[in-house]
C-alpha atoms as a PDB file:
ATOM      1  CA  UNK A   1      -4.474 -54.273-192.470  1.00  0.00           C
ATOM      2  CA  UNK A   2      -7.654 -53.584-195.343  1.00  0.00           C
ATOM      3  CA  UNK A   3     -10.755 -55.369-194.835  1.00  0.00           C
ATOM      4  CA  UNK A   4     -12.419 -55.884-198.213  1.00  0.00           C
ATOM      5  CA  UNK A   5     -15.459 -55.237-198.488  1.00  0.00           C
ATOM      6  CA  UNK A   6     -18.052 -57.948-198.569  1.00  0.00           C
ATOM      7  CA  UNK A   7     -20.889 -55.437-199.418  1.00  0.00           C
ATOM      8  CA  UNK A   8     -22.860 -55.564-201.938  1.00  0.00           C
ATOM      9  CA  UNK A   9     -23.941 -51.891-203.929  1.00  0.00           C
ATOM     10  CA  UNK A  10     -26.311 -49.771-202.466  1.00  0.00           C
ATOM     11  CA  UNK A  11     -28.653 -49.388-205.145  1.00  0.00           C
ATOM     12  CA  UNK A  12     -29.037 -53.807-205.436  1.00  0.00           C
ATOM     13  CA  UNK A  13     -30.293 -53.896-201.499  1.00  0.00           C
ATOM     14  CA  UNK A  14     -32.943 -50.763-202.534  1.00  0.00           C
ATOM     15  CA  UNK A  15     -34.311 -52.708-204.889  1.00  0.00           C
ATOM     16  CA  UNK A  16     -34.105 -55.961-202.218  1.00  0.00           C
ATOM     17  CA  UNK A  17     -35.443 -54.117-199.630  1.00  0.00           C
ATOM     18  CA  UNK A  18     -39.029 -52.698-201.990  1.00  0.00           C
ATOM     19  CA  UNK A  19     -39.902 -55.509-203.626  1.00  0.00           C
ATOM     20  CA  UNK A  20     -39.900 -57.637-200.143  1.00  0.00           C
ATOM     21  CA  UNK A  21     -42.153 -54.684-198.575  1.00  0.00           C
ATOM     22  CA  UNK A  22     -44.398 -54.119-201.442  1.00  0.00           C
ATOM     23  CA  UNK A  23     -44.548 -58.147-202.312  1.00  0.00           C
ATOM     24  CA  UNK A  24     -43.775 -57.291-206.612  1.00  0.00           C
ATOM     25  CA  UNK A  25     -40.801 -56.312-208.358  1.00  0.00           C
ATOM     26  CA  UNK A  26     -43.381 -53.766-210.806  1.00  0.00           C
ATOM     27  CA  UNK A  27     -44.372 -52.633-207.422  1.00  0.00           C
ATOM     28  CA  UNK A  28     -41.147 -51.938-206.131  1.00  0.00           C
ATOM     29  CA  UNK A  29     -39.656 -50.586-209.808  1.00  0.00           C
ATOM     30  CA  UNK A  30     -42.440 -47.892-209.587  1.00  0.00           C
ATOM     31  CA  UNK A  31     -41.499 -47.386-205.731  1.00  0.00           C
ATOM     32  CA  UNK A  32     -37.966 -46.296-206.810  1.00  0.00           C
ATOM     33  CA  UNK A  33     -38.447 -44.814-210.212  1.00  0.00           C
ATOM     34  CA  UNK A  34     -36.808 -47.943-211.965  1.00  0.00           C
ATOM     35  CA  UNK A  35     -37.786 -50.610-214.185  1.00  0.00           C
ATOM     36  CA  UNK A  36     -39.305 -54.164-213.879  1.00  0.00           C
ATOM     37  CA  UNK A  37     -36.330 -55.431-215.369  1.00  0.00           C
ATOM     38  CA  UNK A  38     -33.348 -53.487-213.375  1.00  0.00           C
ATOM     39  CA  UNK A  39     -35.211 -54.806-210.043  1.00  0.00           C
ATOM     40  CA  UNK A  40     -35.706 -58.515-211.370  1.00  0.00           C
ATOM     41  CA  UNK A  41     -31.499 -58.465-212.716  1.00  0.00           C
ATOM     42  CA  UNK A  42     -30.567 -56.520-209.251  1.00  0.00           C
ATOM     43  CA  UNK A  43     -32.700 -59.564-207.417  1.00  0.00           C
ATOM     44  CA  UNK A  44     -30.768 -61.815-209.686  1.00  0.00           C
ATOM     45  CA  UNK A  45     -27.605 -61.306-208.649  1.00  0.00           C
ATOM     46  CA  UNK A  46     -28.469 -61.161-205.054  1.00  0.00           C
ATOM     47  CA  UNK A  47     -29.087 -64.573-205.149  1.00  0.00           C
ATOM     48  CA  UNK A  48     -26.501 -65.506-207.367  1.00  0.00           C
ATOM     49  CA  UNK A  49     -23.989 -64.151-205.148  1.00  0.00           C
ATOM     50  CA  UNK A  50     -25.713 -65.630-201.857  1.00  0.00           C
ATOM     51  CA  UNK A  51     -25.880 -68.895-203.429  1.00  0.00           C
ATOM     52  CA  UNK A  52     -29.788 -68.527-202.207  1.00  0.00           C
ATOM     53  CA  UNK A  53     -33.226 -68.273-203.496  1.00  0.00           C
ATOM     54  CA  UNK A  54     -34.461 -65.129-201.720  1.00  0.00           C
ATOM     55  CA  UNK A  55     -38.570 -64.847-203.520  1.00  0.00           C
ATOM     56  CA  UNK A  56     -40.375 -67.381-204.329  1.00  0.00           C
ATOM     57  CA  UNK A  57     -42.359 -66.227-207.809  1.00  0.00           C
ATOM     58  CA  UNK A  58     -45.864 -66.234-208.002  1.00  0.00           C
ATOM     59  CA  UNK A  59     -48.650 -65.678-210.776  1.00  0.00           C
ATOM     60  CA  UNK A  60     -49.559 -61.667-208.735  1.00  0.00           C
ATOM     61  CA  UNK A  61     -45.933 -60.761-207.171  1.00  0.00           C
ATOM     62  CA  UNK A  62     -43.403 -62.297-205.054  1.00  0.00           C
ATOM     63  CA  UNK A  63     -43.198 -63.876-201.535  1.00  0.00           C
ATOM     64  CA  UNK A  64     -40.224 -64.091-200.124  1.00  0.00           C
ATOM     65  CA  UNK A  65     -38.477 -67.367-198.792  1.00  0.00           C
ATOM     66  CA  UNK A  66     -37.246 -67.948-194.706  1.00  0.00           C
ATOM     67  CA  UNK A  67     -33.488 -66.904-196.443  1.00  0.00           C
ATOM     68  CA  UNK A  68     -35.195 -64.359-197.532  1.00  0.00           C
ATOM     69  CA  UNK A  69     -37.687 -63.202-194.396  1.00  0.00           C
ATOM     70  CA  UNK A  70     -33.876 -63.164-192.829  1.00  0.00           C
ATOM     71  CA  UNK A  71     -31.936 -60.959-195.131  1.00  0.00           C
ATOM     72  CA  UNK A  72     -34.631 -58.524-195.945  1.00  0.00           C
ATOM     73  CA  UNK A  73     -35.157 -58.273-191.884  1.00  0.00           C
ATOM     74  CA  UNK A  74     -31.699 -57.368-191.697  1.00  0.00           C
ATOM     75  CA  UNK A  75     -31.733 -54.669-195.001  1.00  0.00           C
ATOM     76  CA  UNK A  76     -34.758 -53.032-193.962  1.00  0.00           C
ATOM     77  CA  UNK A  77     -32.970 -51.868-191.244  1.00  0.00           C
ATOM     78  CA  UNK A  78     -29.619 -51.107-191.856  1.00  0.00           C
ATOM     79  CA  UNK A  79     -31.561 -48.874-194.563  1.00  0.00           C
ATOM     80  CA  UNK A  80     -33.553 -46.706-192.408  1.00  0.00           C
ATOM     81  CA  UNK A  81     -30.414 -46.658-190.145  1.00  0.00           C
ATOM     82  CA  UNK A  82     -28.709 -45.103-192.599  1.00  0.00           C
ATOM     83  CA  UNK A  83     -31.327 -42.664-194.094  1.00  0.00           C
ATOM     84  CA  UNK A  84     -32.200 -41.488-190.596  1.00  0.00           C
ATOM     85  CA  UNK A  85     -28.344 -40.423-190.247  1.00  0.00           C
ATOM     86  CA  UNK A  86     -28.533 -38.914-193.464  1.00  0.00           C
ATOM     87  CA  UNK A  87     -31.470 -37.009-192.400  1.00  0.00           C
ATOM     88  CA  UNK A  88     -29.710 -35.718-189.736  1.00  0.00           C
ATOM     89  CA  UNK A  89     -26.483 -35.000-191.131  1.00  0.00           C
ATOM     90  CA  UNK A  90     -28.799 -32.794-193.665  1.00  0.00           C
ATOM     91  CA  UNK A  91     -30.228 -30.633-190.277  1.00  0.00           C
ATOM     92  CA  UNK A  92     -26.764 -29.725-189.407  1.00  0.00           C
ATOM     93  CA  UNK A  93     -25.880 -29.232-193.258  1.00  0.00           C
ATOM     94  CA  UNK A  94     -27.835 -26.055-192.864  1.00  0.00           C
ATOM     95  CA  UNK A  95     -29.515 -27.117-196.031  1.00  0.00           C
ATOM     96  CA  UNK A  96     -31.850 -29.648-196.220  1.00  0.00           C
ATOM     97  CA  UNK A  97     -33.938 -31.956-198.788  1.00  0.00           C
ATOM     98  CA  UNK A  98     -37.543 -33.055-198.510  1.00  0.00           C
ATOM     99  CA  UNK A  99     -39.121 -36.404-200.818  1.00  0.00           C
ATOM    100  CA  UNK A 100     -42.633 -35.523-201.201  1.00  0.00           C
ATOM    101  CA  UNK A 101     -44.520 -38.634-202.777  1.00  0.00           C
ATOM    102  CA  UNK A 102     -48.217 -37.674-205.286  1.00  0.00           C
ATOM    103  CA  UNK A 103     -49.514 -38.530-207.956  1.00  0.00           C
ATOM    104  CA  UNK A 104     -48.452 -36.032-210.873  1.00  0.00           C
ATOM    105  CA  UNK A 105     -52.926 -34.495-211.213  1.00  0.00           C
ATOM    106  CA  UNK A 106     -51.748 -33.316-207.486  1.00  0.00           C
ATOM    107  CA  UNK A 107     -48.293 -32.771-208.605  1.00  0.00           C
ATOM    108  CA  UNK A 108     -48.910 -30.448-211.453  1.00  0.00           C
ATOM    109  CA  UNK A 109     -52.261 -28.362-210.458  1.00  0.00           C
ATOM    110  CA  UNK A 110     -51.602 -27.757-207.162  1.00  0.00           C
ATOM    111  CA  UNK A 111     -48.909 -27.992-205.251  1.00  0.00           C
ATOM    112  CA  UNK A 112     -46.259 -26.524-208.603  1.00  0.00           C
ATOM    113  CA  UNK A 113     -48.119 -23.586-208.930  1.00  0.00           C
ATOM    114  CA  UNK A 114     -47.532 -22.620-205.272  1.00  0.00           C
ATOM    115  CA  UNK A 115     -44.065 -24.215-204.725  1.00  0.00           C
ATOM    116  CA  UNK A 116     -42.037 -20.956-205.056  1.00  0.00           C
ATOM    117  CA  UNK A 117     -43.759 -18.746-202.291  1.00  0.00           C
ATOM    118  CA  UNK A 118     -42.745 -22.087-200.129  1.00  0.00           C
ATOM    119  CA  UNK A 119     -38.885 -21.559-201.612  1.00  0.00           C
ATOM    120  CA  UNK A 120     -38.970 -17.419-200.997  1.00  0.00           C
ATOM    121  CA  UNK A 121     -39.983 -18.006-197.288  1.00  0.00           C
ATOM    122  CA  UNK A 122     -38.029 -20.993-196.698  1.00  0.00           C
ATOM    123  CA  UNK A 123     -35.227 -21.457-199.311  1.00  0.00           C
ATOM    124  CA  UNK A 124     -32.902 -23.093-197.045  1.00  0.00           C
ATOM    125  CA  UNK A 125     -35.631 -26.305-197.259  1.00  0.00           C
ATOM    126  CA  UNK A 126     -35.978 -28.320-201.284  1.00  0.00           C
ATOM    127  CA  UNK A 127     -38.733 -29.619-202.328  1.00  0.00           C
ATOM    128  CA  UNK A 128     -37.783 -32.972-204.190  1.00  0.00           C
ATOM    129  CA  UNK A 129     -41.612 -33.931-205.864  1.00  0.00           C
ATOM    130  CA  UNK A 130     -41.512 -37.387-206.511  1.00  0.00           C
ATOM    131  CA  UNK A 131     -44.736 -38.738-208.390  1.00  0.00           C
ATOM    132  CA  UNK A 132     -46.475 -42.042-208.999  1.00  0.00           C
ATOM    133  CA  UNK A 133     -49.845 -43.608-209.832  1.00  0.00           C
ATOM    134  CA  UNK A 134     -50.558 -45.755-207.434  1.00  0.00           C
ATOM    135  CA  UNK A 135     -51.467 -43.763-204.000  1.00  0.00           C
ATOM    136  CA  UNK A 136     -48.220 -44.804-201.593  1.00  0.00           C
ATOM    137  CA  UNK A 137     -47.234 -43.617-198.262  1.00  0.00           C
ATOM    138  CA  UNK A 138     -43.892 -42.458-197.380  1.00  0.00           C
ATOM    139  CA  UNK A 139     -42.331 -45.547-196.200  1.00  0.00           C
ATOM    140  CA  UNK A 140     -43.281 -47.626-199.339  1.00  0.00           C
ATOM    141  CA  UNK A 141     -41.576 -44.780-201.401  1.00  0.00           C
ATOM    142  CA  UNK A 142     -38.364 -43.720-199.199  1.00  0.00           C
ATOM    143  CA  UNK A 143     -40.382 -40.339-198.804  1.00  0.00           C
ATOM    144  CA  UNK A 144     -40.227 -37.667-196.183  1.00  0.00           C
ATOM    145  CA  UNK A 145     -43.908 -36.924-196.372  1.00  0.00           C
ATOM    146  CA  UNK A 146     -46.761 -38.089-199.492  1.00  0.00           C
ATOM    147  CA  UNK A 147     -49.856 -36.502-200.546  1.00  0.00           C
ATOM    148  CA  UNK A 148     -52.497 -39.633-201.567  1.00  0.00           C
ATOM    149  CA  UNK A 149     -55.958 -39.462-201.644  1.00  0.00           C
ATOM    150  CA  UNK A 150     -57.369 -41.914-199.231  1.00  0.00           C
ATOM    151  CA  UNK A 151     -59.887 -42.551-197.148  1.00  0.00           C
ATOM    152  CA  UNK A 152     -58.377 -40.966-193.681  1.00  0.00           C
ATOM    153  CA  UNK A 153     -59.637 -43.670-191.552  1.00  0.00           C
ATOM    154  CA  UNK A 154     -57.876 -46.360-192.992  1.00  0.00           C
ATOM    155  CA  UNK A 155     -54.652 -44.929-193.650  1.00  0.00           C
ATOM    156  CA  UNK A 156     -51.836 -46.884-191.916  1.00  0.00           C
ATOM    157  CA  UNK A 157     -49.543 -43.680-191.616  1.00  0.00           C
ATOM    158  CA  UNK A 158     -49.453 -40.596-189.327  1.00  0.00           C
ATOM    159  CA  UNK A 159     -52.555 -38.287-191.561  1.00  0.00           C
ATOM    160  CA  UNK A 160     -53.721 -35.192-191.843  1.00  0.00           C
ATOM    161  CA  UNK A 161     -56.327 -34.139-194.087  1.00  0.00           C
ATOM    162  CA  UNK A 162     -55.290 -31.725-196.862  1.00  0.00           C
ATOM    163  CA  UNK A 163     -58.772 -31.519-198.579  1.00  0.00           C
ATOM    164  CA  UNK A 164     -62.227 -33.169-198.898  1.00  0.00           C
ATOM    165  CA  UNK A 165     -63.561 -34.385-201.723  1.00  0.00           C
ATOM    166  CA  UNK A 166     -65.577 -31.726-204.128  1.00  0.00           C
ATOM    167  CA  UNK A 167     -66.134 -32.325-207.517  1.00  0.00           C
ATOM    168  CA  UNK A 168     -68.545 -30.599-209.839  1.00  0.00           C
ATOM    169  CA  UNK A 169     -68.919 -31.286-214.179  1.00  0.00           C
ATOM    170  CA  UNK A 170     -66.899 -29.212-216.035  1.00  0.00           C
ATOM    171  CA  UNK A 171     -66.519 -28.792-220.106  1.00  0.00           C
ATOM    172  CA  UNK A 172     -64.400 -26.609-222.693  1.00  0.00           C
ATOM    173  CA  UNK A 173     -66.964 -24.062-223.933  1.00  0.00           C
ATOM    174  CA  UNK A 174     -65.458 -24.345-227.467  1.00  0.00           C
ATOM    175  CA  UNK A 175     -67.141 -28.582-227.300  1.00  0.00           C
ATOM    176  CA  UNK A 176     -70.493 -26.701-226.151  1.00  0.00           C
ATOM    177  CA  UNK A 177     -70.234 -24.491-228.859  1.00  0.00           C
ATOM    178  CA  UNK A 178     -68.836 -26.645-231.453  1.00  0.00           C
ATOM    179  CA  UNK A 179     -72.332 -28.870-230.215  1.00  0.00           C
ATOM    180  CA  UNK A 180     -75.178 -26.441-229.757  1.00  0.00           C
ATOM    181  CA  UNK A 181     -75.614 -26.599-225.707  1.00  0.00           C
ATOM    182  CA  UNK A 182     -75.733 -24.630-223.096  1.00  0.00           C
ATOM    183  CA  UNK A 183     -73.414 -24.574-219.854  1.00  0.00           C
ATOM    184  CA  UNK A 184     -75.636 -26.007-217.966  1.00  0.00           C
ATOM    185  CA  UNK A 185     -76.610 -29.366-215.838  1.00  0.00           C
ATOM    186  CA  UNK A 186     -79.714 -30.604-219.172  1.00  0.00           C
ATOM    187  CA  UNK A 187     -76.320 -30.602-221.258  1.00  0.00           C
ATOM    188  CA  UNK A 188     -74.882 -33.268-219.892  1.00  0.00           C
ATOM    189  CA  UNK A 189     -77.196 -35.537-220.905  1.00  0.00           C
ATOM    190  CA  UNK A 190     -75.459 -34.801-224.688  1.00  0.00           C
ATOM    191  CA  UNK A 191     -71.925 -34.814-223.765  1.00  0.00           C
ATOM    192  CA  UNK A 192     -69.010 -37.155-224.580  1.00  0.00           C
ATOM    193  CA  UNK A 193     -68.101 -38.957-221.089  1.00  0.00           C
ATOM    194  CA  UNK A 194     -64.872 -38.755-219.909  1.00  0.00           C
ATOM    195  CA  UNK A 195     -63.963 -41.520-216.607  1.00  0.00           C
ATOM    196  CA  UNK A 196     -61.193 -42.874-214.849  1.00  0.00           C
ATOM    197  CA  UNK A 197     -60.279 -46.754-214.749  1.00  0.00           C
ATOM    198  CA  UNK A 198     -61.837 -47.103-211.352  1.00  0.00           C
ATOM    199  CA  UNK A 199     -58.107 -49.097-210.530  1.00  0.00           C
ATOM    200  CA  UNK A 200     -56.971 -45.726-210.733  1.00  0.00           C
ATOM    201  CA  UNK A 201     -59.119 -43.944-208.664  1.00  0.00           C
ATOM    202  CA  UNK A 202     -60.068 -45.591-205.787  1.00  0.00           C
ATOM    203  CA  UNK A 203     -62.695 -44.332-204.212  1.00  0.00           C
ATOM    204  CA  UNK A 204     -63.434 -41.462-206.309  1.00  0.00           C
ATOM    205  CA  UNK A 205     -66.580 -40.120-207.961  1.00  0.00           C
ATOM    206  CA  UNK A 206     -67.836 -41.620-211.316  1.00  0.00           C
ATOM    207  CA  UNK A 207     -70.568 -41.192-213.325  1.00  0.00           C
ATOM    208  CA  UNK A 208     -72.812 -43.370-212.417  1.00  0.00           C
ATOM    209  CA  UNK A 209     -72.578 -42.360-209.043  1.00  0.00           C
ATOM    210  CA  UNK A 210     -72.563 -39.003-209.918  1.00  0.00           C
ATOM    211  CA  UNK A 211     -75.369 -38.887-212.039  1.00  0.00           C
ATOM    212  CA  UNK A 212     -77.881 -39.219-209.487  1.00  0.00           C
ATOM    213  CA  UNK A 213     -76.163 -36.999-206.899  1.00  0.00           C
ATOM    214  CA  UNK A 214     -77.591 -34.213-210.110  1.00  0.00           C
ATOM    215  CA  UNK A 215     -80.900 -35.234-209.664  1.00  0.00           C
ATOM    216  CA  UNK A 216     -80.210 -37.083-213.840  1.00  0.00           C
ATOM    217  CA  UNK A 217     -81.276 -40.788-212.938  1.00  0.00           C
ATOM    218  CA  UNK A 218     -78.849 -43.379-213.878  1.00  0.00           C
ATOM    219  CA  UNK A 219     -76.293 -41.977-216.789  1.00  0.00           C
ATOM    220  CA  UNK A 220     -77.791 -42.820-220.354  1.00  0.00           C
ATOM    221  CA  UNK A 221     -74.766 -44.017-221.556  1.00  0.00           C
ATOM    222  CA  UNK A 222     -70.996 -45.718-221.187  1.00  0.00           C
ATOM    223  CA  UNK A 223     -67.424 -43.705-220.782  1.00  0.00           C
ATOM    224  CA  UNK A 224     -66.175 -42.085-224.597  1.00  0.00           C
ATOM    225  CA  UNK A 225     -62.960 -42.146-223.418  1.00  0.00           C
ATOM    226  CA  UNK A 226     -61.039 -44.117-220.271  1.00  0.00           C
ATOM    227  CA  UNK A 227     -57.752 -43.055-218.671  1.00  0.00           C
ATOM    228  CA  UNK A 228     -55.917 -43.937-216.388  1.00  0.00           C
ATOM    229  CA  UNK A 229     -54.284 -40.594-215.500  1.00  0.00           C
ATOM    230  CA  UNK A 230     -56.454 -37.290-213.853  1.00  0.00           C
ATOM    231  CA  UNK A 231     -53.691 -35.339-216.270  1.00  0.00           C
ATOM    232  CA  UNK A 232     -54.501 -36.517-219.175  1.00  0.00           C
ATOM    233  CA  UNK A 233     -57.858 -36.594-218.389  1.00  0.00           C
ATOM    234  CA  UNK A 234     -58.217 -32.750-217.495  1.00  0.00           C
ATOM    235  CA  UNK A 235     -56.457 -32.519-221.231  1.00  0.00           C
ATOM    236  CA  UNK A 236     -59.376 -34.192-223.239  1.00  0.00           C
ATOM    237  CA  UNK A 237     -61.337 -31.970-221.759  1.00  0.00           C
ATOM    238  CA  UNK A 238     -59.738 -28.395-222.502  1.00  0.00           C
ATOM    239  CA  UNK A 239     -59.106 -29.639-225.673  1.00  0.00           C
ATOM    240  CA  UNK A 240     -63.544 -30.022-225.875  1.00  0.00           C
ATOM    241  CA  UNK A 241     -63.041 -34.446-226.421  1.00  0.00           C
ATOM    242  CA  UNK A 242     -65.618 -34.541-223.305  1.00  0.00           C
ATOM    243  CA  UNK A 243     -66.930 -33.529-220.377  1.00  0.00           C
ATOM    244  CA  UNK A 244     -64.861 -34.587-217.221  1.00  0.00           C
ATOM    245  CA  UNK A 245     -65.963 -34.904-213.228  1.00  0.00           C
ATOM    246  CA  UNK A 246     -63.375 -31.828-211.884  1.00  0.00           C
ATOM    247  CA  UNK A 247     -61.603 -31.940-208.277  1.00  0.00           C
ATOM    248  CA  UNK A 248     -62.458 -29.149-206.702  1.00  0.00           C
ATOM    249  CA  UNK A 249     -58.363 -28.091-205.457  1.00  0.00           C
ATOM    250  CA  UNK A 250     -57.508 -29.558-209.961  1.00  0.00           C
ATOM    251  CA  UNK A 251     -60.139 -26.795-211.969  1.00  0.00           C
ATOM    252  CA  UNK A 252     -60.033 -23.754-210.139  1.00  0.00           C
ATOM    253  CA  UNK A 253     -57.367 -22.161-212.135  1.00  0.00           C
ATOM    254  CA  UNK A 254     -59.207 -23.513-215.415  1.00  0.00           C
ATOM    255  CA  UNK A 255     -62.688 -21.933-214.673  1.00  0.00           C
ATOM    256  CA  UNK A 256     -60.953 -19.144-213.348  1.00  0.00           C
ATOM    257  CA  UNK A 257     -58.926 -19.287-217.357  1.00  0.00           C
ATOM    258  CA  UNK A 258     -62.037 -20.193-219.141  1.00  0.00           C
ATOM    259  CA  UNK A 259     -60.687 -23.493-220.465  1.00  0.00           C
ATOM    260  CA  UNK A 260     -63.591 -25.263-218.407  1.00  0.00           C
ATOM    261  CA  UNK A 261     -66.819 -23.933-217.930  1.00  0.00           C
ATOM    262  CA  UNK A 262     -68.540 -25.720-214.800  1.00  0.00           C
ATOM    263  CA  UNK A 263     -72.382 -26.727-215.487  1.00  0.00           C
ATOM    264  CA  UNK A 264     -73.248 -26.556-211.804  1.00  0.00           C
ATOM    265  CA  UNK A 265     -72.224 -24.229-209.133  1.00  0.00           C
ATOM    266  CA  UNK A 266     -72.826 -26.885-206.782  1.00  0.00           C
ATOM    267  CA  UNK A 267     -69.446 -28.510-205.219  1.00  0.00           C
ATOM    268  CA  UNK A 268     -70.973 -32.366-204.580  1.00  0.00           C
ATOM    269  CA  UNK A 269     -68.848 -33.447-201.360  1.00  0.00           C
ATOM    270  CA  UNK A 270     -69.406 -37.947-200.676  1.00  0.00           C
ATOM    271  CA  UNK A 271     -68.157 -39.445-197.378  1.00  0.00           C
ATOM    272  CA  UNK A 272     -66.183 -36.695-194.911  1.00  0.00           C
ATOM    273  CA  UNK A 273     -63.400 -39.322-194.711  1.00  0.00           C
ATOM    274  CA  UNK A 274     -62.393 -39.557-198.489  1.00  0.00           C
ATOM    275  CA  UNK A 275     -60.054 -36.910-199.625  1.00  0.00           C
ATOM    276  CA  UNK A 276     -56.497 -35.733-200.033  1.00  0.00           C
ATOM    277  CA  UNK A 277     -54.407 -36.791-196.782  1.00  0.00           C
ATOM    278  CA  UNK A 278     -50.801 -35.585-196.081  1.00  0.00           C
ATOM    279  CA  UNK A 279     -49.175 -38.626-194.577  1.00  0.00           C
ATOM    280  CA  UNK A 280     -45.864 -38.808-192.637  1.00  0.00           C
ATOM    281  CA  UNK A 281     -43.575 -41.761-192.353  1.00  0.00           C
ATOM    282  CA  UNK A 282     -44.287 -44.135-189.464  1.00  0.00           C
ATOM    283  CA  UNK A 283     -40.775 -45.141-189.462  1.00  0.00           C
ATOM    284  CA  UNK A 284     -38.632 -42.393-189.693  1.00  0.00           C
ATOM    285  CA  UNK A 285     -38.423 -39.319-186.679  1.00  0.00           C
ATOM    286  CA  UNK A 286     -39.955 -36.045-188.432  1.00  0.00           C
ATOM    287  CA  UNK A 287     -37.286 -33.611-189.372  1.00  0.00           C
ATOM    288  CA  UNK A 288     -38.135 -29.415-188.460  1.00  0.00           C
ATOM    289  CA  UNK A 289     -38.563 -28.759-192.216  1.00  0.00           C
ATOM    290  CA  UNK A 290     -41.099 -31.771-192.493  1.00  0.00           C
ATOM    291  CA  UNK A 291     -43.181 -30.148-190.610  1.00  0.00           C
ATOM    292  CA  UNK A 292     -42.642 -26.634-191.874  1.00  0.00           C
ATOM    293  CA  UNK A 293     -43.331 -27.830-194.589  1.00  0.00           C
ATOM    294  CA  UNK A 294     -46.912 -30.174-193.656  1.00  0.00           C
ATOM    295  CA  UNK A 295     -47.686 -26.967-191.807  1.00  0.00           C
ATOM    296  CA  UNK A 296     -47.383 -24.379-195.001  1.00  0.00           C
ATOM    297  CA  UNK A 297     -49.790 -27.063-197.730  1.00  0.00           C
ATOM    298  CA  UNK A 298     -52.018 -27.422-194.826  1.00  0.00           C
ATOM    299  CA  UNK A 299     -52.263 -23.088-194.891  1.00  0.00           C
ATOM    300  CA  UNK A 300     -52.604 -23.010-198.351  1.00  0.00           C
ATOM    301  CA  UNK A 301     -55.423 -25.585-198.928  1.00  0.00           C
ATOM    302  CA  UNK A 302     -57.142 -23.517-195.949  1.00  0.00           C
ATOM    303  CA  UNK A 303     -56.410 -20.340-197.733  1.00  0.00           C
ATOM    304  CA  UNK A 304     -57.764 -21.696-200.915  1.00  0.00           C
ATOM    305  CA  UNK A 305     -61.287 -22.950-199.265  1.00  0.00           C
ATOM    306  CA  UNK A 306     -61.868 -19.676-197.587  1.00  0.00           C
ATOM    307  CA  UNK A 307     -61.288 -17.672-201.632  1.00  0.00           C
ATOM    308  CA  UNK A 308     -63.851 -19.961-202.988  1.00  0.00           C
END
């Protein structure tokens, strides 16, 4: 006798689990590359099907009800077992897909230019890059590995440091020519400043912190353009719209091509604990291919430091 399958769609369970884990439909949408209305609809259908309220809606996010907490424990365990079983099957299939979550800037300026070399050396391993505006650990994004800017001592996951913080002010030579300014540190007080939103950079250098370190005293004015995306900020700098705080792993190719020039040869470092980290899942066994990718990324970062 055929038994009817009473399970809800996998997408609905994933939406519920992400919303419960992150405490927000919006954050769940970001983690699943979906939209907030889609997550809300999945949860609403689960609640209608069960005849239960799973979440208490709050001004800032959501909180599980008692029934929701019970369901979450079962769903989280089931999805974890499913993911692990799929990963185990992948290992025996002769090929592997590694999910790597990171921000758009490091994906664009550091990973993608190097990825072909990894694929040439490891043709049986595919790397799927997931980008997020917010720093996410692997378990928050259903990924195998993450690269994120963080304070290493507070990371709630196994991690290795990839880069420590090192910055310098950079500007387009076209802007310097237009304003008839020399490529030297003193010009910084005359240039329009480009800045990341505080909520985005979360510990990165900003201009009020950088000016005293450069011996220039206080910032003479507010930033003229503010971005929530470092890639856009660098594009604005390349277009001659202002001076940017250049993070070394990202700006070296632009300095080499002449698209940007540094106003000082110094690279200013911050707290040694701050930087970009490789982070791993706390709940899943690490596949050999994940460790291979991690070792390769670390070797690439060491090679860059040795060449600089």
